[in-house]
Each structure stands twice: as structure tokens, then as C-alpha cells.
Amino acid sequence: MARKKKLDHHALMKATEGLLLEKGYNAFTFGLLAERLSVGRSTIYEYYPNKDELIIAYLHGFAYERVKESQDIMQIEDIQAKFREFIRVFLKYSHIQLVIKMLEQMEEKGAYSNKIQVVREVSKEIYSDSLLLIQQAKEAGMIKKEANTVFISYVIFNLIQIPNFRNQTEEERLEEIMDFILNGVSCK
């Protein structure tokens, strides 16, 4: 009898992410994932009983990794460098909106609500850090004090969603977003 192939957890999560981003939640299957990993479906079932359990594990890991990055960034002393790094991380993970959409699709099914709530709570930490960072930028005079903090946060998270049609480097996009947030489009 042939030995079953063991899966590297990191490779499993990376392949899960890639397939979710390419196919979306509804079209994601263990069959497609097994094909991508060059293993049998039964190998994946040894680790996760169904796709939702696997996707929740991926979303949970993704959220915790972003929280860790956010916490590290919040330790930076220089406010401009801190602001820049925060935007850089979220520009790098601009597919975060797709992750949120997947959570919503899973919630619609009514299953795994406790596990989904844990992922949502972790994600709130990142949002709280974004609000704190914007407030610090206001206090440092980088952003107008009267600007609405929540609105600025929404603007940032929506700016990173704009497709890179001009094929800019990550640094070029970062500079353009920073300029837009800090200076707007006014001629004043």
C-alpha cells in the first residue's frame, strides 16, 4: 500500500489562498486544491473535514498575521514612517476585501458562526490600529484635525483596492496613495 503524502501547512495555506483568489469561495473545491498540491483529495481530508473548516483556518491565520504586522508597525516611533508602513502592508494585501467577502458568504450559510466571529474580532484589532494611527497623524499635523477619522480609514482601505492598471511598482503606488491621503487633489 502506498504511503500518503504529507502536506506542509504553509504550502496548504498558500495554495488555498491562491485558489480562493483565482476561483472565489463558491468555486473552491478540495479537488482543485488537491490538483494544485499534487496530492489526493483524501490527503486534504486528513487535515480538514470540509472546505469551510479549511477556509476558516486560512482566514484565521491571515487575520492573525496582519494583526502581528499591524502591532509591529504601531511600535515605529516616526509617525510618517509608521503611516507609510501601515499603508504598505495593506497595499501588499489588497485582497483583504475578498477575504471579508468570503466571511460574509460563510455567514450566509449560517455555519461556523463562532469561528467566524473570532476572525472578525481579530480583524477589528487592525481596524482599531488604523483609527489610532490616523489620530496620531492628525496630532502630528500630517492630516487635518477636523477630518473624519473613520472616513479617512475607509478612503485608505478603498484606495488600495484600485487595480494597478498603470503597472506601477509597489513603491510608486505607495507614494501616490500617501500623496493623495496627505495632500488630496487640491491646488491650494
N, C-alpha and C. Protein backbone atom coordinates (compact mmCIF):
# COMPACT_ATOMS: atom_id res chain seq x y z
N MET A 1 0.83 -1.17 0.00
CA MET A 1 0.00 0.00 0.00
C MET A 1 0.89 1.25 0.00
N ALA A 2 0.59 2.20 -0.84
CA ALA A 2 1.39 3.42 -0.97
C ALA A 2 1.15 4.32 0.23
N ARG A 3 2.22 4.99 0.66
CA ARG A 3 2.11 5.93 1.77
C ARG A 3 1.48 7.23 1.26
N LYS A 4 0.63 7.79 2.08
CA LYS A 4 0.02 9.06 1.71
C LYS A 4 1.03 10.17 1.87
N LYS A 5 0.93 11.11 0.98
CA LYS A 5 1.82 12.27 1.01
C LYS A 5 1.41 13.20 2.15
N LYS A 6 2.39 13.66 2.92
CA LYS A 6 2.12 14.62 3.99
C LYS A 6 2.08 16.01 3.39
N LEU A 7 1.26 16.86 3.97
CA LEU A 7 1.15 18.23 3.50
C LEU A 7 1.89 19.18 4.43
N ASP A 8 2.61 20.09 3.84
CA ASP A 8 3.22 21.18 4.58
C ASP A 8 2.12 22.21 4.82
N HIS A 9 1.91 22.60 6.06
CA HIS A 9 0.81 23.50 6.40
C HIS A 9 0.93 24.83 5.65
N HIS A 10 2.12 25.38 5.59
CA HIS A 10 2.32 26.65 4.89
C HIS A 10 1.96 26.50 3.41
N ALA A 11 2.39 25.42 2.78
CA ALA A 11 2.07 25.20 1.36
C ALA A 11 0.56 25.02 1.17
N LEU A 12 -0.08 24.34 2.11
CA LEU A 12 -1.53 24.16 2.04
C LEU A 12 -2.25 25.50 2.11
N MET A 13 -1.83 26.35 3.04
CA MET A 13 -2.47 27.66 3.19
C MET A 13 -2.18 28.56 1.99
N LYS A 14 -0.98 28.50 1.47
CA LYS A 14 -0.62 29.32 0.31
C LYS A 14 -1.46 28.88 -0.92
N ALA A 15 -1.58 27.59 -1.11
CA ALA A 15 -2.37 27.07 -2.23
C ALA A 15 -3.85 27.41 -2.05
N THR A 16 -4.32 27.34 -0.80
CA THR A 16 -5.70 27.70 -0.50
C THR A 16 -5.94 29.16 -0.85
N GLU A 17 -5.04 30.03 -0.43
CA GLU A 17 -5.17 31.45 -0.75
C GLU A 17 -5.19 31.68 -2.26
N GLY A 18 -4.24 31.08 -2.95
CA GLY A 18 -4.17 31.27 -4.40
C GLY A 18 -5.44 30.83 -5.11
N LEU A 19 -5.94 29.69 -4.72
CA LEU A 19 -7.15 29.16 -5.34
C LEU A 19 -8.38 30.00 -4.98
N LEU A 20 -8.46 30.46 -3.75
CA LEU A 20 -9.58 31.32 -3.36
C LEU A 20 -9.56 32.63 -4.13
N LEU A 21 -8.38 33.19 -4.33
CA LEU A 21 -8.28 34.45 -5.06
C LEU A 21 -8.59 34.26 -6.55
N GLU A 22 -8.22 33.13 -7.09
CA GLU A 22 -8.48 32.86 -8.51
C GLU A 22 -9.93 32.46 -8.78
N LYS A 23 -10.47 31.56 -7.95
CA LYS A 23 -11.77 30.95 -8.22
C LYS A 23 -12.90 31.53 -7.37
N GLY A 24 -12.56 32.07 -6.20
CA GLY A 24 -13.60 32.54 -5.30
C GLY A 24 -14.08 31.43 -4.38
N TYR A 25 -14.84 31.84 -3.39
CA TYR A 25 -15.33 30.90 -2.38
C TYR A 25 -16.19 29.79 -2.98
N ASN A 26 -17.16 30.16 -3.80
CA ASN A 26 -18.12 29.17 -4.31
C ASN A 26 -17.49 28.12 -5.22
N ALA A 27 -16.49 28.49 -5.99
CA ALA A 27 -15.87 27.55 -6.94
C ALA A 27 -14.70 26.78 -6.31
N PHE A 28 -14.32 27.13 -5.12
CA PHE A 28 -13.21 26.45 -4.43
C PHE A 28 -13.63 25.03 -4.06
N THR A 29 -12.82 24.05 -4.43
CA THR A 29 -13.10 22.66 -4.07
C THR A 29 -11.81 21.97 -3.63
N PHE A 30 -11.98 20.90 -2.86
CA PHE A 30 -10.82 20.10 -2.47
C PHE A 30 -10.19 19.44 -3.70
N GLY A 31 -11.00 19.14 -4.68
CA GLY A 31 -10.46 18.54 -5.91
C GLY A 31 -9.47 19.47 -6.59
N LEU A 32 -9.86 20.73 -6.76
CA LEU A 32 -8.95 21.71 -7.37
C LEU A 32 -7.71 21.92 -6.51
N LEU A 33 -7.91 21.96 -5.20
CA LEU A 33 -6.79 22.15 -4.29
C LEU A 33 -5.84 20.95 -4.34
N ALA A 34 -6.39 19.76 -4.35
CA ALA A 34 -5.57 18.55 -4.41
C ALA A 34 -4.75 18.53 -5.70
N GLU A 35 -5.38 18.93 -6.79
CA GLU A 35 -4.67 19.00 -8.08
C GLU A 35 -3.51 20.00 -8.00
N ARG A 36 -3.76 21.13 -7.39
CA ARG A 36 -2.72 22.17 -7.28
C ARG A 36 -1.55 21.68 -6.41
N LEU A 37 -1.87 20.90 -5.39
CA LEU A 37 -0.83 20.42 -4.46
C LEU A 37 -0.23 19.08 -4.88
N SER A 38 -0.78 18.51 -5.94
CA SER A 38 -0.33 17.19 -6.43
C SER A 38 -0.48 16.11 -5.36
N VAL A 39 -1.65 16.10 -4.74
CA VAL A 39 -1.98 15.08 -3.75
C VAL A 39 -3.41 14.61 -4.03
N GLY A 40 -3.80 13.56 -3.38
CA GLY A 40 -5.18 13.10 -3.49
C GLY A 40 -6.07 13.92 -2.56
N ARG A 41 -7.34 13.99 -2.89
CA ARG A 41 -8.29 14.72 -2.03
C ARG A 41 -8.30 14.16 -0.62
N SER A 42 -8.16 12.84 -0.52
CA SER A 42 -8.20 12.21 0.80
C SER A 42 -7.09 12.73 1.71
N THR A 43 -5.98 13.14 1.13
CA THR A 43 -4.88 13.71 1.92
C THR A 43 -5.33 15.00 2.58
N ILE A 44 -6.05 15.83 1.86
CA ILE A 44 -6.54 17.09 2.42
C ILE A 44 -7.59 16.81 3.49
N TYR A 45 -8.44 15.80 3.26
CA TYR A 45 -9.47 15.45 4.24
C TYR A 45 -8.85 14.95 5.56
N GLU A 46 -7.63 14.48 5.52
CA GLU A 46 -6.96 14.08 6.76
C GLU A 46 -6.70 15.29 7.66
N TYR A 47 -6.61 16.47 7.07
CA TYR A 47 -6.31 17.69 7.81
C TYR A 47 -7.57 18.50 8.12
N TYR A 48 -8.49 18.52 7.17
CA TYR A 48 -9.72 19.32 7.32
C TYR A 48 -10.90 18.51 6.80
N PRO A 49 -12.01 18.49 7.57
CA PRO A 49 -13.15 17.67 7.17
C PRO A 49 -13.95 18.23 6.00
N ASN A 50 -13.82 19.55 5.75
CA ASN A 50 -14.55 20.15 4.64
C ASN A 50 -13.91 21.49 4.26
N LYS A 51 -14.37 22.06 3.18
CA LYS A 51 -13.76 23.28 2.67
C LYS A 51 -13.94 24.46 3.62
N ASP A 52 -15.09 24.53 4.29
CA ASP A 52 -15.31 25.65 5.20
C ASP A 52 -14.34 25.63 6.37
N GLU A 53 -14.06 24.47 6.91
CA GLU A 53 -13.08 24.37 8.00
C GLU A 53 -11.70 24.82 7.52
N LEU A 54 -11.33 24.43 6.33
CA LEU A 54 -10.04 24.84 5.76
C LEU A 54 -10.02 26.35 5.52
N ILE A 55 -11.07 26.88 4.95
CA ILE A 55 -11.12 28.30 4.65
C ILE A 55 -11.10 29.12 5.94
N ILE A 56 -11.80 28.68 6.96
CA ILE A 56 -11.77 29.37 8.24
C ILE A 56 -10.35 29.35 8.81
N ALA A 57 -9.68 28.22 8.71
CA ALA A 57 -8.29 28.13 9.19
C ALA A 57 -7.41 29.11 8.42
N TYR A 58 -7.60 29.19 7.11
CA TYR A 58 -6.84 30.14 6.30
C TYR A 58 -7.14 31.58 6.75
N LEU A 59 -8.44 31.92 6.86
CA LEU A 59 -8.84 33.28 7.23
C LEU A 59 -8.33 33.65 8.62
N HIS A 60 -8.37 32.71 9.52
CA HIS A 60 -7.88 32.92 10.88
C HIS A 60 -6.38 33.22 10.85
N GLY A 61 -5.63 32.42 10.14
CA GLY A 61 -4.19 32.64 10.02
C GLY A 61 -3.88 33.97 9.34
N PHE A 62 -4.60 34.27 8.29
CA PHE A 62 -4.41 35.52 7.56
C PHE A 62 -4.63 36.71 8.49
N ALA A 63 -5.72 36.68 9.25
CA ALA A 63 -6.05 37.78 10.15
C ALA A 63 -4.98 37.93 11.23
N TYR A 64 -4.56 36.83 11.84
CA TYR A 64 -3.54 36.92 12.89
C TYR A 64 -2.21 37.45 12.35
N GLU A 65 -1.84 37.04 11.15
CA GLU A 65 -0.60 37.55 10.55
C GLU A 65 -0.68 39.06 10.33
N ARG A 66 -1.84 39.56 9.87
CA ARG A 66 -1.99 41.00 9.65
C ARG A 66 -2.00 41.76 10.97
N VAL A 67 -2.59 41.17 12.02
CA VAL A 67 -2.57 41.81 13.34
C VAL A 67 -1.14 41.92 13.83
N LYS A 68 -0.37 40.87 13.67
CA LYS A 68 1.04 40.90 14.11
C LYS A 68 1.80 41.99 13.36
N GLU A 69 1.60 42.07 12.04
CA GLU A 69 2.25 43.13 11.27
C GLU A 69 1.80 44.51 11.74
N SER A 70 0.52 44.64 12.00
CA SER A 70 -0.03 45.91 12.46
C SER A 70 0.58 46.30 13.81
N GLN A 71 0.69 45.35 14.71
CA GLN A 71 1.28 45.62 16.02
C GLN A 71 2.75 46.03 15.89
N ASP A 72 3.47 45.37 15.01
CA ASP A 72 4.88 45.73 14.78
C ASP A 72 5.00 47.15 14.25
N ILE A 73 4.12 47.50 13.33
CA ILE A 73 4.14 48.84 12.73
C ILE A 73 3.82 49.89 13.79
N MET A 74 2.89 49.59 14.67
CA MET A 74 2.50 50.57 15.69
C MET A 74 3.63 50.86 16.67
N GLN A 75 4.68 50.04 16.67
CA GLN A 75 5.84 50.28 17.53
C GLN A 75 6.83 51.27 16.91
N ILE A 76 6.68 51.58 15.64
CA ILE A 76 7.58 52.53 14.97
C ILE A 76 7.35 53.91 15.57
N GLU A 77 8.42 54.58 15.92
CA GLU A 77 8.33 55.90 16.57
C GLU A 77 7.94 57.01 15.59
N ASP A 78 8.61 57.06 14.44
CA ASP A 78 8.38 58.13 13.48
C ASP A 78 7.00 57.96 12.84
N ILE A 79 6.12 58.94 13.04
CA ILE A 79 4.73 58.83 12.60
C ILE A 79 4.61 58.70 11.09
N GLN A 80 5.45 59.42 10.33
CA GLN A 80 5.35 59.33 8.87
C GLN A 80 5.79 57.93 8.40
N ALA A 81 6.85 57.40 9.00
CA ALA A 81 7.30 56.05 8.65
C ALA A 81 6.25 55.01 9.05
N LYS A 82 5.64 55.21 10.20
CA LYS A 82 4.59 54.31 10.68
C LYS A 82 3.41 54.31 9.71
N PHE A 83 2.98 55.49 9.32
CA PHE A 83 1.85 55.64 8.41
C PHE A 83 2.17 54.97 7.07
N ARG A 84 3.37 55.21 6.57
CA ARG A 84 3.81 54.63 5.29
C ARG A 84 3.81 53.10 5.35
N GLU A 85 4.35 52.54 6.43
CA GLU A 85 4.42 51.08 6.55
C GLU A 85 3.05 50.45 6.69
N PHE A 86 2.17 51.14 7.39
CA PHE A 86 0.80 50.63 7.54
C PHE A 86 0.14 50.52 6.17
N ILE A 87 0.27 51.56 5.38
CA ILE A 87 -0.32 51.54 4.04
C ILE A 87 0.38 50.51 3.16
N ARG A 88 1.71 50.39 3.30
CA ARG A 88 2.46 49.40 2.51
C ARG A 88 1.94 47.98 2.76
N VAL A 89 1.71 47.64 4.02
CA VAL A 89 1.22 46.30 4.35
C VAL A 89 -0.15 46.06 3.72
N PHE A 90 -1.02 47.04 3.81
CA PHE A 90 -2.36 46.83 3.28
C PHE A 90 -2.41 46.93 1.77
N LEU A 91 -1.47 47.61 1.19
CA LEU A 91 -1.34 47.61 -0.27
C LEU A 91 -0.88 46.23 -0.72
N LYS A 92 0.04 45.67 0.03
CA LYS A 92 0.55 44.32 -0.27
C LYS A 92 -0.55 43.27 -0.17
N TYR A 93 -1.46 43.46 0.78
CA TYR A 93 -2.56 42.51 1.00
C TYR A 93 -3.89 43.13 0.58
N SER A 94 -3.89 43.73 -0.58
CA SER A 94 -5.10 44.42 -1.03
C SER A 94 -6.27 43.46 -1.25
N HIS A 95 -6.01 42.19 -1.28
CA HIS A 95 -7.09 41.22 -1.44
C HIS A 95 -7.87 41.02 -0.13
N ILE A 96 -7.59 41.84 0.85
CA ILE A 96 -8.29 41.72 2.13
C ILE A 96 -9.81 41.86 1.95
N GLN A 97 -10.24 42.67 0.99
CA GLN A 97 -11.68 42.82 0.75
C GLN A 97 -12.30 41.49 0.30
N LEU A 98 -11.55 40.72 -0.47
CA LEU A 98 -12.04 39.40 -0.88
C LEU A 98 -12.17 38.48 0.33
N VAL A 99 -11.25 38.61 1.28
CA VAL A 99 -11.29 37.82 2.50
C VAL A 99 -12.56 38.16 3.27
N ILE A 100 -12.86 39.44 3.38
CA ILE A 100 -14.07 39.88 4.08
C ILE A 100 -15.32 39.34 3.38
N LYS A 101 -15.31 39.36 2.06
CA LYS A 101 -16.44 38.84 1.28
C LYS A 101 -16.65 37.35 1.56
N MET A 102 -15.55 36.60 1.68
CA MET A 102 -15.66 35.17 1.97
C MET A 102 -16.30 34.94 3.33
N LEU A 103 -15.93 35.75 4.30
CA LEU A 103 -16.55 35.64 5.63
C LEU A 103 -18.06 35.85 5.52
N GLU A 104 -18.45 36.85 4.75
CA GLU A 104 -19.88 37.13 4.57
C GLU A 104 -20.59 35.95 3.91
N GLN A 105 -19.95 35.34 2.91
CA GLN A 105 -20.56 34.19 2.24
C GLN A 105 -20.72 33.02 3.20
N MET A 106 -19.75 32.83 4.05
CA MET A 106 -19.83 31.73 5.02
C MET A 106 -20.91 32.04 6.07
N GLU A 107 -21.02 33.29 6.47
CA GLU A 107 -22.05 33.67 7.44
C GLU A 107 -23.44 33.45 6.88
N GLU A 108 -23.62 33.70 5.59
CA GLU A 108 -24.92 33.49 4.95
C GLU A 108 -25.37 32.04 5.07
N LYS A 109 -24.41 31.13 5.09
CA LYS A 109 -24.73 29.71 5.23
C LYS A 109 -25.16 29.37 6.65
N GLY A 110 -24.84 30.26 7.58
CA GLY A 110 -25.26 30.06 8.96
C GLY A 110 -24.40 29.09 9.75
N ALA A 111 -23.34 28.61 9.18
CA ALA A 111 -22.47 27.66 9.87
C ALA A 111 -21.22 28.36 10.40
N TYR A 112 -20.62 27.77 11.39
CA TYR A 112 -19.32 28.22 11.91
C TYR A 112 -19.35 29.63 12.45
N SER A 113 -20.49 30.08 12.95
CA SER A 113 -20.59 31.47 13.39
C SER A 113 -19.60 31.81 14.50
N ASN A 114 -19.34 30.89 15.42
CA ASN A 114 -18.36 31.16 16.48
C ASN A 114 -16.97 31.35 15.93
N LYS A 115 -16.57 30.51 15.00
CA LYS A 115 -15.23 30.61 14.42
C LYS A 115 -15.11 31.86 13.55
N ILE A 116 -16.17 32.19 12.84
CA ILE A 116 -16.17 33.40 12.01
C ILE A 116 -16.09 34.63 12.91
N GLN A 117 -16.78 34.59 14.04
CA GLN A 117 -16.75 35.71 14.97
C GLN A 117 -15.33 35.94 15.50
N VAL A 118 -14.59 34.87 15.73
CA VAL A 118 -13.20 35.00 16.19
C VAL A 118 -12.37 35.73 15.14
N VAL A 119 -12.55 35.37 13.87
CA VAL A 119 -11.81 36.03 12.79
C VAL A 119 -12.22 37.51 12.73
N ARG A 120 -13.48 37.79 12.88
CA ARG A 120 -13.96 39.19 12.86
C ARG A 120 -13.37 39.99 14.02
N GLU A 121 -13.30 39.39 15.20
CA GLU A 121 -12.73 40.08 16.36
C GLU A 121 -11.25 40.40 16.14
N VAL A 122 -10.53 39.47 15.57
CA VAL A 122 -9.11 39.69 15.27
C VAL A 122 -8.98 40.83 14.26
N SER A 123 -9.84 40.84 13.26
CA SER A 123 -9.81 41.88 12.23
C SER A 123 -10.11 43.26 12.81
N LYS A 124 -10.94 43.32 13.85
CA LYS A 124 -11.26 44.59 14.49
C LYS A 124 -10.01 45.23 15.10
N GLU A 125 -9.06 44.41 15.52
CA GLU A 125 -7.82 44.95 16.08
C GLU A 125 -7.07 45.77 15.02
N ILE A 126 -7.07 45.29 13.80
CA ILE A 126 -6.40 46.01 12.71
C ILE A 126 -7.12 47.33 12.46
N TYR A 127 -8.44 47.29 12.44
CA TYR A 127 -9.23 48.49 12.23
C TYR A 127 -8.95 49.50 13.34
N SER A 128 -8.91 49.03 14.58
CA SER A 128 -8.61 49.92 15.71
C SER A 128 -7.24 50.56 15.57
N ASP A 129 -6.26 49.76 15.13
CA ASP A 129 -4.92 50.31 14.90
C ASP A 129 -4.95 51.38 13.81
N SER A 130 -5.76 51.16 12.77
CA SER A 130 -5.83 52.16 11.69
C SER A 130 -6.40 53.47 12.21
N LEU A 131 -7.41 53.38 13.06
CA LEU A 131 -8.00 54.60 13.62
C LEU A 131 -7.01 55.31 14.55
N LEU A 132 -6.31 54.56 15.35
CA LEU A 132 -5.30 55.14 16.24
C LEU A 132 -4.20 55.82 15.43
N LEU A 133 -3.76 55.16 14.39
CA LEU A 133 -2.70 55.72 13.55
C LEU A 133 -3.17 57.02 12.88
N ILE A 134 -4.37 57.05 12.39
CA ILE A 134 -4.91 58.27 11.77
C ILE A 134 -4.98 59.39 12.81
N GLN A 135 -5.40 59.04 14.01
CA GLN A 135 -5.46 60.03 15.08
C GLN A 135 -4.06 60.57 15.39
N GLN A 136 -3.07 59.68 15.43
CA GLN A 136 -1.68 60.12 15.67
C GLN A 136 -1.20 61.03 14.54
N ALA A 137 -1.58 60.70 13.30
CA ALA A 137 -1.19 61.54 12.16
C ALA A 137 -1.84 62.91 12.26
N LYS A 138 -3.07 62.97 12.76
CA LYS A 138 -3.73 64.26 12.98
C LYS A 138 -2.96 65.08 14.02
N GLU A 139 -2.63 64.42 15.12
CA GLU A 139 -1.91 65.11 16.19
C GLU A 139 -0.54 65.60 15.74
N ALA A 140 0.08 64.89 14.80
CA ALA A 140 1.39 65.29 14.27
C ALA A 140 1.27 66.34 13.18
N GLY A 141 0.05 66.70 12.80
CA GLY A 141 -0.16 67.72 11.78
C GLY A 141 -0.04 67.20 10.36
N MET A 142 -0.02 65.89 10.17
CA MET A 142 0.05 65.31 8.83
C MET A 142 -1.32 65.35 8.14
N ILE A 143 -2.36 65.24 8.94
CA ILE A 143 -3.74 65.20 8.45
C ILE A 143 -4.51 66.28 9.22
N LYS A 144 -5.44 66.94 8.53
CA LYS A 144 -6.25 67.98 9.18
C LYS A 144 -6.96 67.39 10.41
N LYS A 145 -6.91 68.12 11.49
CA LYS A 145 -7.54 67.66 12.73
C LYS A 145 -9.05 67.47 12.59
N GLU A 146 -9.68 68.30 11.75
CA GLU A 146 -11.14 68.22 11.61
C GLU A 146 -11.59 67.12 10.65
N ALA A 147 -10.65 66.47 9.97
CA ALA A 147 -11.00 65.38 9.04
C ALA A 147 -11.58 64.21 9.85
N ASN A 148 -12.59 63.58 9.30
CA ASN A 148 -13.25 62.45 9.95
C ASN A 148 -12.36 61.21 9.90
N THR A 149 -12.00 60.71 11.06
CA THR A 149 -11.06 59.58 11.18
C THR A 149 -11.59 58.32 10.50
N VAL A 150 -12.85 58.01 10.74
CA VAL A 150 -13.45 56.81 10.14
C VAL A 150 -13.48 56.93 8.62
N PHE A 151 -13.85 58.10 8.13
CA PHE A 151 -13.88 58.32 6.68
C PHE A 151 -12.48 58.13 6.08
N ILE A 152 -11.47 58.67 6.71
CA ILE A 152 -10.09 58.53 6.21
C ILE A 152 -9.71 57.04 6.17
N SER A 153 -10.08 56.31 7.19
CA SER A 153 -9.80 54.87 7.21
C SER A 153 -10.46 54.17 6.02
N TYR A 154 -11.72 54.50 5.75
CA TYR A 154 -12.43 53.92 4.61
C TYR A 154 -11.76 54.31 3.29
N VAL A 155 -11.32 55.55 3.20
CA VAL A 155 -10.64 56.01 1.98
C VAL A 155 -9.38 55.19 1.76
N ILE A 156 -8.60 55.01 2.80
CA ILE A 156 -7.35 54.24 2.68
C ILE A 156 -7.66 52.82 2.20
N PHE A 157 -8.61 52.14 2.86
CA PHE A 157 -8.90 50.76 2.50
C PHE A 157 -9.53 50.63 1.12
N ASN A 158 -10.15 51.69 0.64
CA ASN A 158 -10.69 51.65 -0.72
C ASN A 158 -9.65 52.06 -1.76
N LEU A 159 -8.74 52.94 -1.41
CA LEU A 159 -7.67 53.30 -2.35
C LEU A 159 -6.81 52.10 -2.71
N ILE A 160 -6.55 51.25 -1.73
CA ILE A 160 -5.69 50.09 -2.02
C ILE A 160 -6.38 49.08 -2.92
N GLN A 161 -7.71 49.21 -3.06
CA GLN A 161 -8.46 48.28 -3.92
C GLN A 161 -8.42 48.67 -5.40
N ILE A 162 -7.96 49.88 -5.69
CA ILE A 162 -7.92 50.32 -7.08
C ILE A 162 -6.92 49.45 -7.84
N PRO A 163 -7.35 48.82 -8.93
CA PRO A 163 -6.43 47.96 -9.69
C PRO A 163 -5.22 48.74 -10.21
N ASN A 164 -4.13 48.05 -10.33
CA ASN A 164 -2.87 48.65 -10.79
C ASN A 164 -2.83 48.65 -12.32
N PHE A 165 -3.71 49.41 -12.95
CA PHE A 165 -3.80 49.45 -14.40
C PHE A 165 -2.55 50.01 -15.05
N ARG A 166 -1.86 50.88 -14.36
CA ARG A 166 -0.67 51.53 -14.93
C ARG A 166 0.61 50.75 -14.65
N ASN A 167 0.47 49.58 -14.08
CA ASN A 167 1.60 48.70 -13.78
C ASN A 167 2.70 49.42 -12.99
N GLN A 168 2.29 50.16 -11.99
CA GLN A 168 3.23 50.85 -11.14
C GLN A 168 3.91 49.85 -10.21
N THR A 169 5.11 50.20 -9.78
CA THR A 169 5.77 49.39 -8.78
C THR A 169 5.03 49.59 -7.46
N GLU A 170 5.28 48.73 -6.51
CA GLU A 170 4.67 48.87 -5.19
C GLU A 170 5.03 50.23 -4.58
N GLU A 171 6.28 50.63 -4.76
CA GLU A 171 6.75 51.91 -4.21
C GLU A 171 6.05 53.10 -4.87
N GLU A 172 5.85 53.03 -6.19
CA GLU A 172 5.15 54.12 -6.89
C GLU A 172 3.70 54.24 -6.41
N ARG A 173 3.05 53.10 -6.27
CA ARG A 173 1.66 53.12 -5.79
C ARG A 173 1.59 53.64 -4.36
N LEU A 174 2.54 53.22 -3.55
CA LEU A 174 2.58 53.68 -2.17
C LEU A 174 2.74 55.20 -2.12
N GLU A 175 3.66 55.72 -2.91
CA GLU A 175 3.89 57.17 -2.94
C GLU A 175 2.64 57.92 -3.39
N GLU A 176 1.98 57.40 -4.41
CA GLU A 176 0.78 58.06 -4.93
C GLU A 176 -0.35 58.05 -3.89
N ILE A 177 -0.52 56.95 -3.21
CA ILE A 177 -1.55 56.86 -2.18
C ILE A 177 -1.22 57.78 -1.01
N MET A 178 0.04 57.76 -0.58
CA MET A 178 0.46 58.66 0.51
C MET A 178 0.20 60.11 0.13
N ASP A 179 0.58 60.49 -1.08
CA ASP A 179 0.38 61.86 -1.55
C ASP A 179 -1.10 62.22 -1.56
N PHE A 180 -1.92 61.32 -2.04
CA PHE A 180 -3.36 61.58 -2.11
C PHE A 180 -3.95 61.75 -0.71
N ILE A 181 -3.58 60.89 0.21
CA ILE A 181 -4.12 60.97 1.56
C ILE A 181 -3.65 62.23 2.28
N LEU A 182 -2.37 62.53 2.13
CA LEU A 182 -1.80 63.66 2.87
C LEU A 182 -2.02 65.02 2.21
N ASN A 183 -2.15 65.02 0.87
CA ASN A 183 -2.26 66.31 0.16
C ASN A 183 -3.53 66.48 -0.64
N GLY A 184 -4.27 65.39 -0.88
CA GLY A 184 -5.50 65.47 -1.65
C GLY A 184 -5.23 65.85 -3.10
N VAL A 185 -6.21 66.42 -3.75
CA VAL A 185 -6.09 66.81 -5.15
C VAL A 185 -6.27 68.32 -5.33
N SER A 186 -6.26 69.02 -4.24
CA SER A 186 -6.47 70.47 -4.27
C SER A 186 -5.27 71.20 -4.84
N CYS A 187 -5.51 72.37 -5.45
CA CYS A 187 -4.44 73.23 -5.97
C CYS A 187 -4.00 74.24 -4.93
N LYS A 188 -4.61 74.25 -3.77
CA LYS A 188 -4.29 75.25 -2.74
C LYS A 188 -2.87 75.17 -2.28
